[in-house]
Full PDB file with SEQRES, HELIX, SHEET, SSBOND, CRYST1, ORIGX, SCALE, CONECT and MASTER records, all heavy atoms in Angstrom:
SEQRES   1 A   37  ILE ASN GLN ARG ASN PHE GLN THR GLU VAL ILE ASN SER          
SEQRES   2 A   37  ASP LYS PRO VAL LEU LEU ASP PHE TRP ALA SER TRP CYS          
SEQRES   3 A   37  GLY PRO CYS ARG MET VAL ALA PRO ILE LEU GLU                  
HELIX    1 AA1 PHE A    6  PHE A    6  1                                   1    
HELIX    2 AA2 GLN A    7  ILE A   11  3                                   5    
HELIX    3 AA3 GLY A   27  LEU A   36  1                                  10    
SSBOND   1 CYS A   26    CYS A   29                          1555   1555  2.41  
CRYST1    1.000    1.000    1.000  90.00  90.00  90.00 P 1           1          
ORIGX1      1.000000  0.000000  0.000000        0.00000                         
ORIGX2      0.000000  1.000000  0.000000        0.00000                         
ORIGX3      0.000000  0.000000  1.000000        0.00000                         
SCALE1      1.000000  0.000000  0.000000        0.00000                         
SCALE2      0.000000  1.000000  0.000000        0.00000                         
SCALE3      0.000000  0.000000  1.000000        0.00000                         
ATOM      1  N   ILE A   1       7.001  -9.681  -8.193  1.00  0.00           N  
ATOM      2  CA  ILE A   1       7.740 -10.280  -7.083  1.00  0.00           C  
ATOM      3  C   ILE A   1       7.240 -11.705  -6.865  1.00  0.00           C  
ATOM      4  O   ILE A   1       6.031 -11.955  -6.842  1.00  0.00           O  
ATOM      5  CB  ILE A   1       7.554  -9.451  -5.790  1.00  0.00           C  
ATOM      6  CG1 ILE A   1       8.022  -8.005  -5.999  1.00  0.00           C  
ATOM      7  CG2 ILE A   1       8.272 -10.106  -4.607  1.00  0.00           C  
ATOM      8  CD1 ILE A   1       9.486  -7.825  -6.309  1.00  0.00           C  
ATOM      9  N   ASN A   2       8.195 -12.622  -6.709  1.00  0.00           N  
ATOM     10  CA  ASN A   2       7.858 -14.018  -6.446  1.00  0.00           C  
ATOM     11  C   ASN A   2       8.849 -14.577  -5.431  1.00  0.00           C  
ATOM     12  O   ASN A   2       9.742 -13.862  -4.972  1.00  0.00           O  
ATOM     13  CB  ASN A   2       7.846 -14.826  -7.751  1.00  0.00           C  
ATOM     14  CG  ASN A   2       9.167 -14.711  -8.499  1.00  0.00           C  
ATOM     15  OD1 ASN A   2      10.232 -14.861  -7.922  1.00  0.00           O  
ATOM     16  ND2 ASN A   2       9.079 -14.427  -9.789  1.00  0.00           N  
ATOM     17  N   GLN A   3       8.702 -15.844  -5.089  1.00  0.00           N  
ATOM     18  CA  GLN A   3       9.586 -16.478  -4.102  1.00  0.00           C  
ATOM     19  C   GLN A   3      11.049 -16.390  -4.528  1.00  0.00           C  
ATOM     20  O   GLN A   3      11.920 -16.203  -3.693  1.00  0.00           O  
ATOM     21  CB  GLN A   3       9.211 -17.954  -3.915  1.00  0.00           C  
ATOM     22  CG  GLN A   3       7.946 -18.166  -3.121  1.00  0.00           C  
ATOM     23  CD  GLN A   3       8.149 -17.902  -1.641  1.00  0.00           C  
ATOM     24  OE1 GLN A   3       7.970 -16.786  -1.171  1.00  0.00           O  
ATOM     25  NE2 GLN A   3       8.537 -18.909  -0.911  1.00  0.00           N  
ATOM     26  N   ARG A   4      11.319 -16.513  -5.825  1.00  0.00           N  
ATOM     27  CA  ARG A   4      12.704 -16.531  -6.313  1.00  0.00           C  
ATOM     28  C   ARG A   4      13.399 -15.176  -6.165  1.00  0.00           C  
ATOM     29  O   ARG A   4      14.580 -15.128  -5.871  1.00  0.00           O  
ATOM     30  CB  ARG A   4      12.759 -16.994  -7.767  1.00  0.00           C  
ATOM     31  CG  ARG A   4      12.440 -18.463  -7.959  1.00  0.00           C  
ATOM     32  CD  ARG A   4      12.614 -18.912  -9.408  1.00  0.00           C  
ATOM     33  NE  ARG A   4      11.899 -18.092 -10.376  1.00  0.00           N  
ATOM     34  CZ  ARG A   4      10.593 -18.190 -10.643  1.00  0.00           C  
ATOM     35  NH1 ARG A   4       9.855 -19.065 -10.007  1.00  0.00           N  
ATOM     36  NH2 ARG A   4      10.036 -17.424 -11.551  1.00  0.00           N  
ATOM     37  N   ASN A   5      12.689 -14.077  -6.415  1.00  0.00           N  
ATOM     38  CA  ASN A   5      13.364 -12.774  -6.381  1.00  0.00           C  
ATOM     39  C   ASN A   5      13.040 -11.948  -5.136  1.00  0.00           C  
ATOM     40  O   ASN A   5      13.523 -10.833  -4.996  1.00  0.00           O  
ATOM     41  CB  ASN A   5      13.064 -11.977  -7.655  1.00  0.00           C  
ATOM     42  CG  ASN A   5      11.624 -11.523  -7.777  1.00  0.00           C  
ATOM     43  OD1 ASN A   5      10.798 -11.707  -6.889  1.00  0.00           O  
ATOM     44  ND2 ASN A   5      11.304 -10.924  -8.909  1.00  0.00           N  
ATOM     45  N   PHE A   6      12.244 -12.482  -4.219  1.00  0.00           N  
ATOM     46  CA  PHE A   6      11.827 -11.726  -3.038  1.00  0.00           C  
ATOM     47  C   PHE A   6      13.024 -11.263  -2.201  1.00  0.00           C  
ATOM     48  O   PHE A   6      13.113 -10.099  -1.827  1.00  0.00           O  
ATOM     49  CB  PHE A   6      10.868 -12.557  -2.181  1.00  0.00           C  
ATOM     50  CG  PHE A   6      10.354 -11.827  -0.977  1.00  0.00           C  
ATOM     51  CD1 PHE A   6       9.347 -10.880  -1.100  1.00  0.00           C  
ATOM     52  CD2 PHE A   6      10.886 -12.061   0.282  1.00  0.00           C  
ATOM     53  CE1 PHE A   6       8.873 -10.184   0.001  1.00  0.00           C  
ATOM     54  CE2 PHE A   6      10.415 -11.383   1.389  1.00  0.00           C  
ATOM     55  CZ  PHE A   6       9.407 -10.445   1.249  1.00  0.00           C  
ATOM     56  N   GLN A   7      13.954 -12.154  -1.935  1.00  0.00           N  
ATOM     57  CA  GLN A   7      15.123 -11.802  -1.115  1.00  0.00           C  
ATOM     58  C   GLN A   7      15.914 -10.667  -1.761  1.00  0.00           C  
ATOM     59  O   GLN A   7      16.240  -9.678  -1.116  1.00  0.00           O  
ATOM     60  CB  GLN A   7      16.008 -13.042  -0.921  1.00  0.00           C  
ATOM     61  CG  GLN A   7      17.214 -12.819  -0.024  1.00  0.00           C  
ATOM     62  CD  GLN A   7      16.871 -12.728   1.449  1.00  0.00           C  
ATOM     63  OE1 GLN A   7      15.937 -13.354   1.911  1.00  0.00           O  
ATOM     64  NE2 GLN A   7      17.605 -11.925   2.178  1.00  0.00           N  
ATOM     65  N   THR A   8      16.208 -10.801  -3.048  1.00  0.00           N  
ATOM     66  CA  THR A   8      17.021  -9.805  -3.753  1.00  0.00           C  
ATOM     67  C   THR A   8      16.295  -8.476  -3.919  1.00  0.00           C  
ATOM     68  O   THR A   8      16.842  -7.420  -3.601  1.00  0.00           O  
ATOM     69  CB  THR A   8      17.402 -10.336  -5.159  1.00  0.00           C  
ATOM     70  OG1 THR A   8      18.057 -11.584  -4.997  1.00  0.00           O  
ATOM     71  CG2 THR A   8      18.298  -9.370  -5.886  1.00  0.00           C  
ATOM     72  N   GLU A   9      15.058  -8.524  -4.410  1.00  0.00           N  
ATOM     73  CA  GLU A   9      14.347  -7.295  -4.767  1.00  0.00           C  
ATOM     74  C   GLU A   9      13.709  -6.581  -3.573  1.00  0.00           C  
ATOM     75  O   GLU A   9      13.521  -5.366  -3.609  1.00  0.00           O  
ATOM     76  CB  GLU A   9      13.260  -7.589  -5.806  1.00  0.00           C  
ATOM     77  CG  GLU A   9      13.791  -8.073  -7.135  1.00  0.00           C  
ATOM     78  CD  GLU A   9      14.566  -7.013  -7.904  1.00  0.00           C  
ATOM     79  OE1 GLU A   9      14.550  -5.830  -7.514  1.00  0.00           O  
ATOM     80  OE2 GLU A   9      15.202  -7.382  -8.895  1.00  0.00           O  
ATOM     81  N   VAL A  10      13.359  -7.314  -2.525  1.00  0.00           N  
ATOM     82  CA  VAL A  10      12.639  -6.716  -1.397  1.00  0.00           C  
ATOM     83  C   VAL A  10      13.505  -6.660  -0.142  1.00  0.00           C  
ATOM     84  O   VAL A  10      13.805  -5.581   0.367  1.00  0.00           O  
ATOM     85  CB  VAL A  10      11.316  -7.467  -1.118  1.00  0.00           C  
ATOM     86  CG1 VAL A  10      10.585  -6.860   0.077  1.00  0.00           C  
ATOM     87  CG2 VAL A  10      10.422  -7.441  -2.351  1.00  0.00           C  
ATOM     88  N   ILE A  11      13.923  -7.799   0.348  1.00  0.00           N  
ATOM     89  CA  ILE A  11      14.672  -7.846   1.601  1.00  0.00           C  
ATOM     90  C   ILE A  11      16.012  -7.107   1.489  1.00  0.00           C  
ATOM     91  O   ILE A  11      16.381  -6.335   2.370  1.00  0.00           O  
ATOM     92  CB  ILE A  11      14.905  -9.312   2.061  1.00  0.00           C  
ATOM     93  CG1 ILE A  11      13.572 -10.028   2.283  1.00  0.00           C  
ATOM     94  CG2 ILE A  11      15.769  -9.355   3.325  1.00  0.00           C  
ATOM     95  CD1 ILE A  11      12.705  -9.443   3.378  1.00  0.00           C  
ATOM     96  N   ASN A  12      16.738  -7.325   0.402  1.00  0.00           N  
ATOM     97  CA  ASN A  12      18.061  -6.714   0.232  1.00  0.00           C  
ATOM     98  C   ASN A  12      18.025  -5.360  -0.459  1.00  0.00           C  
ATOM     99  O   ASN A  12      19.079  -4.807  -0.766  1.00  0.00           O  
ATOM    100  CB  ASN A  12      18.981  -7.656  -0.547  1.00  0.00           C  
ATOM    101  CG  ASN A  12      19.213  -8.957   0.179  1.00  0.00           C  
ATOM    102  OD1 ASN A  12      19.018  -9.062   1.388  1.00  0.00           O  
ATOM    103  ND2 ASN A  12      19.621  -9.975  -0.555  1.00  0.00           N  
ATOM    104  N   SER A  13      16.843  -4.809  -0.715  1.00  0.00           N  
ATOM    105  CA  SER A  13      16.728  -3.538  -1.439  1.00  0.00           C  
ATOM    106  C   SER A  13      17.292  -2.386  -0.623  1.00  0.00           C  
ATOM    107  O   SER A  13      17.067  -2.291   0.585  1.00  0.00           O  
ATOM    108  CB  SER A  13      15.260  -3.247  -1.759  1.00  0.00           C  
ATOM    109  OG  SER A  13      15.150  -1.992  -2.398  1.00  0.00           O  
ATOM    110  N   ASP A  14      18.029  -1.505  -1.306  1.00  0.00           N  
ATOM    111  CA  ASP A  14      18.536  -0.306  -0.640  1.00  0.00           C  
ATOM    112  C   ASP A  14      17.515   0.836  -0.681  1.00  0.00           C  
ATOM    113  O   ASP A  14      17.744   1.902  -0.141  1.00  0.00           O  
ATOM    114  CB  ASP A  14      19.866   0.138  -1.267  1.00  0.00           C  
ATOM    115  CG  ASP A  14      19.749   0.376  -2.767  1.00  0.00           C  
ATOM    116  OD1 ASP A  14      18.723  -0.007  -3.370  1.00  0.00           O  
ATOM    117  OD2 ASP A  14      20.691   0.948  -3.342  1.00  0.00           O  
ATOM    118  N   LYS A  15      16.372   0.591  -1.314  1.00  0.00           N  
ATOM    119  CA  LYS A  15      15.281   1.577  -1.382  1.00  0.00           C  
ATOM    120  C   LYS A  15      14.065   1.008  -0.658  1.00  0.00           C  
ATOM    121  O   LYS A  15      13.907  -0.209  -0.584  1.00  0.00           O  
ATOM    122  CB  LYS A  15      14.865   1.823  -2.835  1.00  0.00           C  
ATOM    123  CG  LYS A  15      15.938   2.317  -3.751  1.00  0.00           C  
ATOM    124  CD  LYS A  15      15.374   2.408  -5.162  1.00  0.00           C  
ATOM    125  CE  LYS A  15      16.426   2.843  -6.155  1.00  0.00           C  
ATOM    126  NZ  LYS A  15      15.883   2.878  -7.519  1.00  0.00           N  
ATOM    127  N   PRO A  16      13.163   1.872  -0.181  1.00  0.00           N  
ATOM    128  CA  PRO A  16      11.883   1.359   0.324  1.00  0.00           C  
ATOM    129  C   PRO A  16      11.145   0.643  -0.806  1.00  0.00           C  
ATOM    130  O   PRO A  16      11.275   1.009  -1.980  1.00  0.00           O  
ATOM    131  CB  PRO A  16      11.126   2.621   0.747  1.00  0.00           C  
ATOM    132  CG  PRO A  16      12.176   3.663   0.923  1.00  0.00           C  
ATOM    133  CD  PRO A  16      13.278   3.319  -0.049  1.00  0.00           C  
ATOM    134  N   VAL A  17      10.383  -0.391  -0.449  1.00  0.00           N  
ATOM    135  CA  VAL A  17       9.638  -1.176  -1.439  1.00  0.00           C  
ATOM    136  C   VAL A  17       8.151  -1.127  -1.084  1.00  0.00           C  
ATOM    137  O   VAL A  17       7.772  -1.413   0.053  1.00  0.00           O  
ATOM    138  CB  VAL A  17      10.112  -2.647  -1.474  1.00  0.00           C  
ATOM    139  CG1 VAL A  17       9.340  -3.436  -2.529  1.00  0.00           C  
ATOM    140  CG2 VAL A  17      11.608  -2.731  -1.733  1.00  0.00           C  
ATOM    141  N   LEU A  18       7.332  -0.743  -2.055  1.00  0.00           N  
ATOM    142  CA  LEU A  18       5.885  -0.763  -1.904  1.00  0.00           C  
ATOM    143  C   LEU A  18       5.384  -2.036  -2.576  1.00  0.00           C  
ATOM    144  O   LEU A  18       5.487  -2.181  -3.792  1.00  0.00           O  
ATOM    145  CB  LEU A  18       5.271   0.477  -2.557  1.00  0.00           C  
ATOM    146  CG  LEU A  18       3.745   0.546  -2.622  1.00  0.00           C  
ATOM    147  CD1 LEU A  18       3.127   0.508  -1.226  1.00  0.00           C  
ATOM    148  CD2 LEU A  18       3.302   1.790  -3.371  1.00  0.00           C  
ATOM    149  N   LEU A  19       4.895  -2.978  -1.776  1.00  0.00           N  
ATOM    150  CA  LEU A  19       4.382  -4.247  -2.308  1.00  0.00           C  
ATOM    151  C   LEU A  19       2.871  -4.178  -2.447  1.00  0.00           C  
ATOM    152  O   LEU A  19       2.179  -3.757  -1.522  1.00  0.00           O  
ATOM    153  CB  LEU A  19       4.735  -5.399  -1.358  1.00  0.00           C  
ATOM    154  CG  LEU A  19       6.186  -5.816  -1.278  1.00  0.00           C  
ATOM    155  CD1 LEU A  19       6.351  -6.911  -0.222  1.00  0.00           C  
ATOM    156  CD2 LEU A  19       6.691  -6.305  -2.623  1.00  0.00           C  
ATOM    157  N   ASP A  20       2.388  -4.622  -3.591  1.00  0.00           N  
ATOM    158  CA  ASP A  20       0.958  -4.702  -3.870  1.00  0.00           C  
ATOM    159  C   ASP A  20       0.586  -6.169  -3.988  1.00  0.00           C  
ATOM    160  O   ASP A  20       1.031  -6.852  -4.913  1.00  0.00           O  
ATOM    161  CB  ASP A  20       0.664  -3.964  -5.178  1.00  0.00           C  
ATOM    162  CG  ASP A  20      -0.758  -4.158  -5.676  1.00  0.00           C  
ATOM    163  OD1 ASP A  20      -1.658  -4.362  -4.836  1.00  0.00           O  
ATOM    164  OD2 ASP A  20      -0.964  -4.089  -6.904  1.00  0.00           O  
ATOM    165  N   PHE A  21      -0.194  -6.677  -3.023  1.00  0.00           N  
ATOM    166  CA  PHE A  21      -0.717  -8.037  -3.099  1.00  0.00           C  
ATOM    167  C   PHE A  21      -2.049  -7.953  -3.831  1.00  0.00           C  
ATOM    168  O   PHE A  21      -2.964  -7.270  -3.364  1.00  0.00           O  
ATOM    169  CB  PHE A  21      -0.882  -8.625  -1.690  1.00  0.00           C  
ATOM    170  CG  PHE A  21       0.434  -8.913  -1.025  1.00  0.00           C  
ATOM    171  CD1 PHE A  21       1.103  -7.920  -0.332  1.00  0.00           C  
ATOM    172  CD2 PHE A  21       1.013 -10.167  -1.114  1.00  0.00           C  
ATOM    173  CE1 PHE A  21       2.321  -8.177   0.281  1.00  0.00           C  
ATOM    174  CE2 PHE A  21       2.229 -10.438  -0.513  1.00  0.00           C  
ATOM    175  CZ  PHE A  21       2.889  -9.436   0.194  1.00  0.00           C  
ATOM    176  N   TRP A  22      -2.157  -8.654  -4.966  1.00  0.00           N  
ATOM    177  CA  TRP A  22      -3.291  -8.483  -5.867  1.00  0.00           C  
ATOM    178  C   TRP A  22      -3.651  -9.805  -6.538  1.00  0.00           C  
ATOM    179  O   TRP A  22      -2.939 -10.798  -6.401  1.00  0.00           O  
ATOM    180  CB  TRP A  22      -2.942  -7.448  -6.941  1.00  0.00           C  
ATOM    181  CG  TRP A  22      -1.909  -7.965  -7.902  1.00  0.00           C  
ATOM    182  CD1 TRP A  22      -0.572  -8.115  -7.667  1.00  0.00           C  
ATOM    183  CD2 TRP A  22      -2.128  -8.457  -9.218  1.00  0.00           C  
ATOM    184  NE1 TRP A  22       0.060  -8.654  -8.767  1.00  0.00           N  
ATOM    185  CE2 TRP A  22      -0.881  -8.882  -9.727  1.00  0.00           C  
ATOM    186  CE3 TRP A  22      -3.256  -8.580 -10.008  1.00  0.00           C  
ATOM    187  CZ2 TRP A  22      -0.739  -9.408 -11.002  1.00  0.00           C  
ATOM    188  CZ3 TRP A  22      -3.102  -9.109 -11.281  1.00  0.00           C  
ATOM    189  CH2 TRP A  22      -1.854  -9.505 -11.767  1.00  0.00           C  
ATOM    190  N   ALA A  23      -4.742  -9.791  -7.301  1.00  0.00           N  
ATOM    191  CA  ALA A  23      -5.142 -10.914  -8.163  1.00  0.00           C  
ATOM    192  C   ALA A  23      -5.864 -10.343  -9.379  1.00  0.00           C  
ATOM    193  O   ALA A  23      -6.486  -9.286  -9.302  1.00  0.00           O  
ATOM    194  CB  ALA A  23      -6.049 -11.884  -7.412  1.00  0.00           C  
ATOM    195  N   SER A  24      -5.785 -11.066 -10.477  1.00  0.00           N  
ATOM    196  CA  SER A  24      -6.365 -10.579 -11.738  1.00  0.00           C  
ATOM    197  C   SER A  24      -7.885 -10.455 -11.674  1.00  0.00           C  
ATOM    198  O   SER A  24      -8.477  -9.638 -12.370  1.00  0.00           O  
ATOM    199  CB  SER A  24      -5.963 -11.497 -12.892  1.00  0.00           C  
ATOM    200  OG  SER A  24      -6.420 -12.812 -12.639  1.00  0.00           O  
ATOM    201  N   TRP A  25      -8.550 -11.246 -10.846  1.00  0.00           N  
ATOM    202  CA  TRP A  25     -10.011 -11.241 -10.746  1.00  0.00           C  
ATOM    203  C   TRP A  25     -10.543 -10.174  -9.780  1.00  0.00           C  
ATOM    204  O   TRP A  25     -11.739 -10.027  -9.624  1.00  0.00           O  
ATOM    205  CB  TRP A  25     -10.513 -12.613 -10.313  1.00  0.00           C  
ATOM    206  CG  TRP A  25      -9.743 -13.171  -9.144  1.00  0.00           C  
ATOM    207  CD1 TRP A  25      -8.697 -14.049  -9.205  1.00  0.00           C  
ATOM    208  CD2 TRP A  25      -9.940 -12.872  -7.763  1.00  0.00           C  
ATOM    209  NE1 TRP A  25      -8.230 -14.314  -7.940  1.00  0.00           N  
ATOM    210  CE2 TRP A  25      -8.972 -13.604  -7.032  1.00  0.00           C  
ATOM    211  CE3 TRP A  25     -10.821 -12.056  -7.054  1.00  0.00           C  
ATOM    212  CZ2 TRP A  25      -8.874 -13.554  -5.647  1.00  0.00           C  
ATOM    213  CZ3 TRP A  25     -10.716 -11.999  -5.668  1.00  0.00           C  
ATOM    214  CH2 TRP A  25      -9.758 -12.745  -4.983  1.00  0.00           C  
ATOM    215  N   CYS A  26      -9.652  -9.425  -9.141  1.00  0.00           N  
ATOM    216  CA  CYS A  26     -10.025  -8.463  -8.092  1.00  0.00           C  
ATOM    217  C   CYS A  26     -10.259  -7.071  -8.689  1.00  0.00           C  
ATOM    218  O   CYS A  26      -9.329  -6.435  -9.169  1.00  0.00           O  
ATOM    219  CB  CYS A  26      -8.901  -8.448  -7.051  1.00  0.00           C  
ATOM    220  SG  CYS A  26      -8.958  -7.081  -5.884  1.00  0.00           S  
ATOM    221  N   GLY A  27     -11.521  -6.601  -8.650  1.00  0.00           N  
ATOM    222  CA  GLY A  27     -11.857  -5.284  -9.189  1.00  0.00           C  
ATOM    223  C   GLY A  27     -11.092  -4.138  -8.529  1.00  0.00           C  
ATOM    224  O   GLY A  27     -10.498  -3.310  -9.225  1.00  0.00           O  
ATOM    225  N   PRO A  28     -11.089  -4.054  -7.190  1.00  0.00           N  
ATOM    226  CA  PRO A  28     -10.327  -2.978  -6.543  1.00  0.00           C  
ATOM    227  C   PRO A  28      -8.836  -3.034  -6.876  1.00  0.00           C  
ATOM    228  O   PRO A  28      -8.184  -1.991  -6.972  1.00  0.00           O  
ATOM    229  CB  PRO A  28     -10.573  -3.217  -5.049  1.00  0.00           C  
ATOM    230  CG  PRO A  28     -11.899  -3.920  -4.999  1.00  0.00           C  
ATOM    231  CD  PRO A  28     -11.914  -4.791  -6.232  1.00  0.00           C  
ATOM    232  N   CYS A  29      -8.296  -4.232  -7.084  1.00  0.00           N  
ATOM    233  CA  CYS A  29      -6.882  -4.356  -7.470  1.00  0.00           C  
ATOM    234  C   CYS A  29      -6.642  -3.695  -8.825  1.00  0.00           C  
ATOM    235  O   CYS A  29      -5.631  -3.016  -9.027  1.00  0.00           O  
ATOM    236  CB  CYS A  29      -6.464  -5.820  -7.533  1.00  0.00           C  
ATOM    237  SG  CYS A  29      -6.581  -6.720  -5.980  1.00  0.00           S  
ATOM    238  N   ARG A  30      -7.587  -3.898  -9.751  1.00  0.00           N  
ATOM    239  CA  ARG A  30      -7.462  -3.284 -11.081  1.00  0.00           C  
ATOM    240  C   ARG A  30      -7.580  -1.767 -11.003  1.00  0.00           C  
ATOM    241  O   ARG A  30      -7.002  -1.060 -11.820  1.00  0.00           O  
ATOM    242  CB  ARG A  30      -8.493  -3.875 -12.036  1.00  0.00           C  
ATOM    243  CG  ARG A  30      -8.186  -5.324 -12.414  1.00  0.00           C  
ATOM    244  CD  ARG A  30      -8.989  -5.799 -13.612  1.00  0.00           C  
ATOM    245  NE  ARG A  30     -10.422  -5.748 -13.405  1.00  0.00           N  
ATOM    246  CZ  ARG A  30     -11.164  -6.737 -12.922  1.00  0.00           C  
ATOM    247  NH1 ARG A  30     -10.597  -7.881 -12.593  1.00  0.00           N  
ATOM    248  NH2 ARG A  30     -12.458  -6.610 -12.778  1.00  0.00           N  
ATOM    249  N   MET A  31      -8.317  -1.259 -10.005  1.00  0.00           N  
ATOM    250  CA  MET A  31      -8.428   0.194  -9.828  1.00  0.00           C  
ATOM    251  C   MET A  31      -7.115   0.781  -9.315  1.00  0.00           C  
ATOM    252  O   MET A  31      -6.735   1.884  -9.686  1.00  0.00           O  
ATOM    253  CB  MET A  31      -9.547   0.527  -8.835  1.00  0.00           C  
ATOM    254  CG  MET A  31     -10.936   0.263  -9.360  1.00  0.00           C  
ATOM    255  SD  MET A  31     -12.252   0.387  -8.113  1.00  0.00           S  
ATOM    256  CE  MET A  31     -11.730   1.708  -7.074  1.00  0.00           C  
ATOM    257  N   VAL A  32      -6.415   0.061  -8.461  1.00  0.00           N  
ATOM    258  CA  VAL A  32      -5.176   0.540  -7.849  1.00  0.00           C  
ATOM    259  C   VAL A  32      -3.977   0.396  -8.792  1.00  0.00           C  
ATOM    260  O   VAL A  32      -3.044   1.186  -8.735  1.00  0.00           O  
ATOM    261  CB  VAL A  32      -4.914  -0.215  -6.523  1.00  0.00           C  
ATOM    262  CG1 VAL A  32      -3.535   0.067  -5.968  1.00  0.00           C  
ATOM    263  CG2 VAL A  32      -5.977   0.144  -5.495  1.00  0.00           C  
ATOM    264  N   ALA A  33      -4.019  -0.579  -9.689  1.00  0.00           N  
ATOM    265  CA  ALA A  33      -2.870  -0.886 -10.557  1.00  0.00           C  
ATOM    266  C   ALA A  33      -2.323   0.325 -11.320  1.00  0.00           C  
ATOM    267  O   ALA A  33      -1.112   0.561 -11.293  1.00  0.00           O  
ATOM    268  CB  ALA A  33      -3.221  -2.018 -11.518  1.00  0.00           C  
ATOM    269  N   PRO A  34      -3.164   1.139 -11.981  1.00  0.00           N  
ATOM    270  CA  PRO A  34      -2.587   2.283 -12.709  1.00  0.00           C  
ATOM    271  C   PRO A  34      -1.964   3.322 -11.775  1.00  0.00           C  
ATOM    272  O   PRO A  34      -0.986   3.976 -12.131  1.00  0.00           O  
ATOM    273  CB  PRO A  34      -3.758   2.876 -13.484  1.00  0.00           C  
ATOM    274  CG  PRO A  34      -4.983   2.154 -13.066  1.00  0.00           C  
ATOM    275  CD  PRO A  34      -4.579   0.983 -12.235  1.00  0.00           C  
ATOM    276  N   ILE A  35      -2.500   3.447 -10.576  1.00  0.00           N  
ATOM    277  CA  ILE A  35      -1.923   4.379  -9.595  1.00  0.00           C  
ATOM    278  C   ILE A  35      -0.522   3.912  -9.211  1.00  0.00           C  
ATOM    279  O   ILE A  35       0.422   4.713  -9.139  1.00  0.00           O  
ATOM    280  CB  ILE A  35      -2.822   4.481  -8.335  1.00  0.00           C  
ATOM    281  CG1 ILE A  35      -4.184   5.069  -8.700  1.00  0.00           C  
ATOM    282  CG2 ILE A  35      -2.136   5.295  -7.242  1.00  0.00           C  
ATOM    283  CD1 ILE A  35      -5.225   4.977  -7.595  1.00  0.00           C  
ATOM    284  N   LEU A  36      -0.375   2.616  -8.985  1.00  0.00           N  
ATOM    285  CA  LEU A  36       0.928   2.079  -8.611  1.00  0.00           C  
ATOM    286  C   LEU A  36       1.931   2.206  -9.751  1.00  0.00           C  
ATOM    287  O   LEU A  36       3.113   2.482  -9.511  1.00  0.00           O  
ATOM    288  CB  LEU A  36       0.796   0.629  -8.162  1.00  0.00           C  
ATOM    289  CG  LEU A  36      -0.045   0.450  -6.899  1.00  0.00           C  
ATOM    290  CD1 LEU A  36      -0.259  -1.018  -6.598  1.00  0.00           C  
ATOM    291  CD2 LEU A  36       0.585   1.157  -5.711  1.00  0.00           C  
ATOM    292  N   GLU A  37       1.485   2.034 -10.988  1.00  0.00           N  
ATOM    293  CA  GLU A  37       2.378   2.229 -12.136  1.00  0.00           C  
ATOM    294  C   GLU A  37       2.829   3.686 -12.229  1.00  0.00           C  
ATOM    295  O   GLU A  37       3.985   3.959 -12.532  1.00  0.00           O  
ATOM    296  CB  GLU A  37       1.709   1.780 -13.439  1.00  0.00           C  
ATOM    297  CG  GLU A  37       1.571   0.280 -13.587  1.00  0.00           C  
ATOM    298  CD  GLU A  37       2.904  -0.465 -13.696  1.00  0.00           C  
ATOM    299  OE1 GLU A  37       3.939   0.133 -14.070  1.00  0.00           O  
ATOM    300  OE2 GLU A  37       2.911  -1.676 -13.393  1.00  0.00           O  
TER     301      GLU A  37                                                      
CONECT  220  237                                                                
CONECT  237  220                                                                
MASTER        0    0    0    3    0    0    0    6  300    1    2    3          
END                                                                             
C-alpha cells in the first residue's frame, strides 16, 4: 500500500483491510510478516 493506491485499495475497499505498518530493519516486523501472509 502506498499513497497512489491507498484510496482504491483501502478507503474504497468493500472488504475489511488489515494494514501492517512495517520497515525492513524492524525485527518484530519480520516476525509478524509470515503470520500476515
